[in-house]
Amino acid sequence: MRFTKMEGLGNDYIYINCFQETVTHPSEFAIRYSDRHFGIGSDGLILICPSEVADIRMEMYNADGSQSEMCGNGIRCVGKYAYDYGIIKKERISVETLAGIKYLDLILKDGKVDAVVVDMGSPVLEAAKIPVRSDRTPVVDEPIMVAGQEFHMTCVSMGNPHAVVFVDAVKDLPLETWGPLFEHHPLFPNRINTEFIEVLNRSEVNMRVWERGTGETLACGTGACASTVACILNQKTENHITLHLLGGDLQVKWDRQNDKVYMTGPAKVVFDGELAE
C-alpha cells in the first residue's frame, strides 16, 4: 500500500489515495502507523475517497483511532493531493466531510498547490449542537473549573467541538496537565478540542491547542477558525486576523455578513512511501 505523508503547519497526517488503495480497518491503521517510534509517525490518518456529492470525500482518524468530523489543516492537504497527484485538475474543488461539504480555492505556484483558501462554512454556536452542556447559548465567556481553578471559555463548533480560553501568555502553559482535563471534562459529551489564546493586538494572536484524541499539535485549522470567532464574540480582535501557531501562521476571516469563516494556509508534501506489509 502506498501512502503520502503531508503537513499543514506541522499538523501532519498519513494520506491514502482510496481511488487506488483500500483501508479495511482505518481506526486500527491510524493507531498502528501514527506511532512516531514504531510507525510512520503522524497526528492521524486521512483517507481521500470517491464521493457521490462532491469532487472527493475526506475521512479523518486521530492517532488514537477515533474519527473526527473535520480537520482544517488536513483538508488543505487533501486539496493539494487531489490536484498535484492528478485526481482533479481544477483550482476550485468541493470536499465531502462529516461536517458537510467544504469548498477549497487552490493557490498555485510553479504548477503545484502552494496554499489553500478553505470556505469553512458557518460557525455553530448553539450549545446542544457543539455539543456542550450549558444553559447558555451562545456559550461565551462562561466559567469552567479545571485543575482546581476557574477558566472562562467560549465554545464553537467548526464541524468539530472547540473550547477557546483566553490567557495572558501561551508560552509556559502546563498544557500536558490542562489539556486532558478539558478534553474529558463532563461538560463535553463528545470530548473537546481546547485552544489557549494570547491576544497580541486587534489583528494578531498566539495560539496553542490540545486536540482530542491526539494531544498538543503544532497547529489546528478548525481550532484557529473557532478561536477567531471567539475573539470576535469577546470583542478582542477585528474580524480578519493572523494566528501564530507553533507550526506557523494561519489567516482567518469571519465574514459576518454571510456568516462564513475563511481560512488560508499552506499545505506541503513531506514524502511518499510504501508499506512493507
Protein backbone atom coordinates (compact mmCIF):
# COMPACT_ATOMS: atom_id res chain seq x y z
CA MET A 1 0.00 0.00 0.00
CA ARG A 2 1.32 3.41 -0.99
CA PHE A 3 0.90 6.45 1.24
CA THR A 4 1.91 10.09 1.36
CA LYS A 5 2.99 11.98 4.48
CA MET A 6 1.78 15.60 4.34
CA GLU A 7 1.69 18.51 6.77
CA GLY A 8 -0.06 21.82 7.20
CA LEU A 9 1.89 23.98 9.65
CA GLY A 10 3.33 20.84 11.22
CA ASN A 11 -0.09 19.22 11.71
CA ASP A 12 0.93 16.00 9.94
CA TYR A 13 -1.15 13.10 8.67
CA ILE A 14 -0.78 9.92 6.66
CA TYR A 15 -2.76 10.26 3.43
CA ILE A 16 -4.07 7.26 1.50
CA ASN A 17 -5.47 7.58 -2.03
CA CYS A 18 -8.57 5.39 -1.80
CA PHE A 19 -9.20 5.81 -5.50
CA GLN A 20 -6.35 3.28 -5.76
CA GLU A 21 -5.97 1.68 -2.31
CA THR A 22 -8.33 0.10 0.25
CA VAL A 23 -8.03 0.54 4.03
CA THR A 24 -10.29 -2.04 5.66
CA HIS A 25 -9.73 -1.07 9.32
CA PRO A 26 -8.88 2.64 9.36
CA SER A 27 -9.03 3.06 13.16
CA GLU A 28 -6.54 0.24 13.70
CA PHE A 29 -4.39 1.59 10.86
CA ALA A 30 -4.34 5.05 12.43
CA ILE A 31 -3.28 3.71 15.82
CA ARG A 32 -0.54 1.49 14.40
CA TYR A 33 1.05 3.80 11.86
CA SER A 34 0.63 7.13 13.67
CA ASP A 35 3.12 5.90 16.27
CA ARG A 36 6.24 8.05 15.95
CA HIS A 37 8.60 5.29 17.11
CA PHE A 38 7.18 2.11 15.54
CA GLY A 39 5.08 3.53 12.70
CA ILE A 40 5.23 6.25 10.08
CA GLY A 41 4.58 8.94 12.67
CA SER A 42 1.69 11.39 12.42
CA ASP A 43 -1.20 13.11 14.15
CA GLY A 44 -3.52 10.62 12.43
CA LEU A 45 -4.82 9.21 9.17
CA ILE A 46 -6.73 10.87 6.33
CA LEU A 47 -8.36 8.88 3.53
CA ILE A 48 -9.02 10.54 0.16
CA CYS A 49 -12.05 8.78 -1.29
CA PRO A 50 -14.56 8.99 -4.15
CA SER A 51 -17.75 10.93 -3.38
CA GLU A 52 -21.25 10.91 -4.81
CA VAL A 53 -21.98 14.50 -3.73
CA ALA A 54 -18.65 16.33 -4.12
CA ASP A 55 -15.40 16.11 -6.08
CA ILE A 56 -13.81 13.97 -3.36
CA ARG A 57 -14.53 12.70 0.15
CA MET A 58 -12.27 13.02 3.20
CA GLU A 59 -12.23 10.65 6.18
CA MET A 60 -10.11 11.65 9.18
CA TYR A 61 -8.93 9.50 12.11
CA ASN A 62 -6.95 10.68 15.12
CA ALA A 63 -3.82 8.98 16.39
CA ASP A 64 -5.89 7.10 18.98
CA GLY A 65 -8.16 5.68 16.28
CA SER A 66 -11.17 7.91 16.98
CA GLN A 67 -12.83 9.52 13.99
CA SER A 68 -13.24 13.29 13.74
CA GLU A 69 -15.67 15.26 11.65
CA MET A 70 -13.19 17.68 10.09
CA CYS A 71 -9.58 18.85 10.07
CA GLY A 72 -8.75 22.30 8.76
CA ASN A 73 -5.05 21.66 8.15
CA GLY A 74 -5.83 18.21 6.79
CA ILE A 75 -8.38 19.42 4.25
CA ARG A 76 -5.84 21.85 2.76
CA CYS A 77 -3.51 18.91 2.21
CA VAL A 78 -6.38 16.92 0.68
CA GLY A 79 -6.82 19.72 -1.84
CA LYS A 80 -3.10 19.75 -2.65
CA TYR A 81 -3.00 15.98 -3.03
CA ALA A 82 -6.07 15.91 -5.27
CA TYR A 83 -4.55 18.49 -7.63
CA ASP A 84 -0.85 17.61 -7.53
CA TYR A 85 -1.44 13.86 -7.86
CA GLY A 86 -3.92 14.25 -10.71
CA ILE A 87 -7.22 13.21 -9.13
CA ILE A 88 -8.79 16.57 -10.01
CA LYS A 89 -7.36 19.25 -12.27
CA LYS A 90 -9.26 22.40 -11.37
CA GLU A 91 -8.49 25.21 -8.98
CA ARG A 92 -11.78 25.18 -7.04
CA ILE A 93 -12.88 21.86 -5.62
CA SER A 94 -15.51 20.51 -3.22
CA VAL A 95 -14.74 18.05 -0.43
CA GLU A 96 -17.31 15.92 1.38
CA THR A 97 -16.66 15.64 5.13
CA LEU A 98 -18.65 14.52 8.15
CA ALA A 99 -19.12 18.25 8.81
CA GLY A 100 -20.67 18.82 5.39
CA ILE A 101 -19.26 19.84 2.01
CA LYS A 102 -16.35 22.30 2.13
CA TYR A 103 -15.06 24.36 -0.79
CA LEU A 104 -11.38 24.94 -1.50
CA ASP A 105 -9.69 27.53 -3.68
CA LEU A 106 -6.21 26.34 -4.62
CA ILE A 107 -3.33 28.81 -4.90
CA LEU A 108 -0.75 27.51 -7.38
CA LYS A 109 2.99 28.09 -7.64
CA ASP A 110 5.06 26.54 -10.43
CA GLY A 111 2.15 24.30 -11.38
CA LYS A 112 1.57 22.85 -7.90
CA VAL A 113 -0.59 23.85 -4.92
CA ASP A 114 1.28 26.15 -2.56
CA ALA A 115 -1.58 27.32 -0.31
CA VAL A 116 -5.31 26.80 0.03
CA VAL A 117 -8.24 29.04 0.96
CA VAL A 118 -10.94 26.99 2.64
CA ASP A 119 -14.57 28.06 2.98
CA MET A 120 -15.12 26.50 6.40
CA GLY A 121 -18.82 27.34 6.49
CA SER A 122 -20.74 28.90 9.36
CA PRO A 123 -19.68 28.54 12.98
CA VAL A 124 -22.07 26.61 15.20
CA LEU A 125 -22.78 28.47 18.44
CA GLU A 126 -25.80 26.60 19.82
CA ALA A 127 -24.69 24.71 22.91
CA ALA A 128 -26.55 21.48 22.15
CA LYS A 129 -25.12 21.29 18.65
CA ILE A 130 -21.47 21.87 19.62
CA PRO A 131 -22.10 19.95 21.96
CA VAL A 132 -21.51 21.43 25.42
CA ARG A 133 -23.71 21.05 28.48
CA SER A 134 -24.75 24.62 29.20
CA ASP A 135 -27.92 26.59 29.80
CA ARG A 136 -26.46 29.49 27.82
CA THR A 137 -26.46 29.88 24.04
CA PRO A 138 -24.11 31.05 22.73
CA VAL A 139 -21.57 29.86 25.29
CA VAL A 140 -19.43 32.98 25.54
CA ASP A 141 -17.05 33.77 28.42
CA GLU A 142 -18.62 31.02 30.54
CA PRO A 143 -16.76 29.85 33.68
CA ILE A 144 -15.44 26.30 33.92
CA MET A 145 -13.48 24.68 36.75
CA VAL A 146 -10.38 22.76 35.64
CA ALA A 147 -7.39 21.69 37.74
CA GLY A 148 -8.84 23.47 40.76
CA GLN A 149 -9.07 26.87 39.11
CA GLU A 150 -11.66 28.85 37.20
CA PHE A 151 -11.23 29.48 33.48
CA HIS A 152 -13.57 31.26 31.08
CA MET A 153 -14.39 29.53 27.82
CA THR A 154 -16.15 30.35 24.58
CA CYS A 155 -17.45 27.29 22.73
CA VAL A 156 -17.69 26.97 18.96
CA SER A 157 -18.10 24.08 16.55
CA MET A 158 -16.46 24.29 13.13
CA GLY A 159 -17.67 20.79 12.33
CA ASN A 160 -15.93 19.55 15.48
CA PRO A 161 -16.18 20.97 19.01
CA HIS A 162 -13.84 23.62 20.45
CA ALA A 163 -13.48 25.45 23.74
CA VAL A 164 -11.46 28.66 23.45
CA VAL A 165 -9.77 30.01 26.58
CA PHE A 166 -8.01 33.39 26.77
CA VAL A 167 -4.78 33.53 28.78
CA ASP A 168 -2.13 36.15 29.47
CA ALA A 169 0.62 34.15 27.73
CA VAL A 170 0.74 30.77 25.99
CA LYS A 171 4.47 30.03 26.20
CA ASP A 172 4.68 28.29 29.56
CA LEU A 173 1.21 26.78 29.90
CA PRO A 174 1.07 23.36 31.59
CA LEU A 175 -0.77 22.01 28.57
CA GLU A 176 0.05 18.36 29.32
CA THR A 177 -1.92 18.80 32.57
CA TRP A 178 -4.72 21.10 31.46
CA GLY A 179 -5.35 19.58 28.04
CA PRO A 180 -6.63 16.14 29.11
CA LEU A 181 -8.73 17.69 31.90
CA PHE A 182 -10.52 19.92 29.40
CA GLU A 183 -10.81 17.13 26.83
CA HIS A 184 -12.55 14.75 29.23
CA HIS A 185 -14.49 17.32 31.27
CA PRO A 186 -18.10 16.22 31.91
CA LEU A 187 -19.42 19.39 30.24
CA PHE A 188 -18.32 17.94 26.86
CA PRO A 189 -20.22 14.77 25.90
CA ASN A 190 -18.10 14.21 22.75
CA ARG A 191 -14.86 15.43 24.37
CA ILE A 192 -13.40 18.78 23.25
CA ASN A 193 -10.52 20.44 21.44
CA THR A 194 -9.14 23.28 23.54
CA GLU A 195 -7.41 26.42 22.25
CA PHE A 196 -5.45 28.72 24.55
CA ILE A 197 -5.26 32.22 23.09
CA GLU A 198 -2.97 35.13 23.90
CA VAL A 199 -4.20 38.33 22.25
CA LEU A 200 -1.31 40.44 20.94
CA ASN A 201 -3.31 43.21 19.27
CA ARG A 202 -6.50 43.70 17.27
CA SER A 203 -5.18 41.66 14.34
CA GLU A 204 -2.81 39.07 15.85
CA VAL A 205 -2.97 36.32 18.47
CA ASN A 206 -0.77 33.48 19.69
CA MET A 207 -2.41 30.07 19.95
CA ARG A 208 -1.65 26.66 21.43
CA VAL A 209 -4.02 23.74 21.05
CA TRP A 210 -4.82 20.44 22.70
CA GLU A 211 -6.64 18.19 20.22
CA ARG A 212 -8.92 15.42 21.44
CA GLY A 213 -7.53 12.01 20.62
CA THR A 214 -4.06 13.33 19.79
CA GLY A 215 -2.72 15.79 22.39
CA GLU A 216 -0.88 19.01 21.69
CA THR A 217 -0.33 19.60 17.98
CA LEU A 218 1.66 22.24 16.14
CA ALA A 219 -1.49 23.60 14.50
CA CYS A 220 -5.24 23.10 14.22
CA GLY A 221 -7.16 24.67 11.37
CA THR A 222 -10.67 24.25 12.76
CA GLY A 223 -9.30 25.44 16.11
CA ALA A 224 -7.89 28.58 14.51
CA CYS A 225 -11.28 29.26 12.96
CA ALA A 226 -13.10 28.67 16.24
CA SER A 227 -10.60 30.91 18.02
CA THR A 228 -11.16 33.71 15.52
CA VAL A 229 -14.91 33.50 16.10
CA ALA A 230 -14.33 33.51 19.87
CA CYS A 231 -12.04 36.56 19.62
CA ILE A 232 -14.71 38.47 17.74
CA LEU A 233 -17.55 37.40 20.03
CA ASN A 234 -15.49 38.60 23.00
CA GLN A 235 -14.67 41.87 21.16
CA LYS A 236 -10.93 41.23 21.39
CA THR A 237 -9.99 41.49 17.69
CA GLU A 238 -11.16 42.57 14.27
CA ASN A 239 -12.88 40.04 12.02
CA HIS A 240 -9.75 39.18 9.97
CA ILE A 241 -6.73 38.07 12.00
CA THR A 242 -3.40 36.24 11.85
CA LEU A 243 -2.97 33.39 14.28
CA HIS A 244 0.58 32.45 15.27
CA LEU A 245 0.68 28.71 15.98
CA LEU A 246 3.66 26.57 16.94
CA GLY A 247 3.88 25.34 13.34
CA GLY A 248 3.43 28.71 11.63
CA ASP A 249 0.74 31.24 10.75
CA LEU A 250 -2.84 30.99 9.56
CA GLN A 251 -5.03 33.80 8.28
CA VAL A 252 -8.69 33.54 9.22
CA LYS A 253 -11.63 35.81 8.44
CA TRP A 254 -15.18 35.60 9.77
CA ASP A 255 -17.42 37.30 7.22
CA ARG A 256 -20.36 38.08 9.45
CA GLN A 257 -22.48 39.37 6.57
CA ASN A 258 -22.76 35.90 5.06
CA ASP A 259 -21.77 34.11 8.31
CA LYS A 260 -18.87 32.17 6.80
CA VAL A 261 -15.35 31.58 8.03
CA TYR A 262 -12.45 31.55 5.55
CA MET A 263 -9.06 30.06 6.39
CA THR A 264 -5.87 30.50 4.35
CA GLY A 265 -2.73 28.48 4.92
CA PRO A 266 -0.04 26.24 3.39
CA ALA A 267 -0.03 22.54 2.52
CA LYS A 268 3.12 20.51 1.90
CA VAL A 269 4.20 17.01 0.95
CA VAL A 270 6.81 15.52 3.29
CA PHE A 271 7.42 12.24 1.45
CA ASP A 272 5.82 9.35 -0.41
CA GLY A 273 6.23 5.80 0.83
CA GLU A 274 5.11 2.22 0.56
CA LEU A 275 4.21 -0.06 3.46
CA ALA A 276 6.25 -3.24 3.54
CA GLU A 277 3.42 -5.37 4.89
